[in-house]
Amino acid sequence: MPNTRYRTVRIPEALVDSILKIIEEKKELGYRSHSEFIIDAVRRRVEDLLSDQKKSEQNK
């Protein structure tokens, strides 16, 4: 199993509160913690940006 390293990121408390509310109200999403939600959200955003960049480069 790879040794994954983590970094600490500061997130506004109001945003974390919103995330916690979503996790509580939508248990079917399967998130167990706000950290898990945030990691997934960031991963998806990075994938979207990289995909957009790749499409843009292909259209040149």
Foldseek 3Di string as FASTA:
>chain_A
DDDDDDDDDDDDPVVLVVLVVCCVVCVVVVDPHSVSVVVVVVVVVVVVVVVVVVVVVVVD
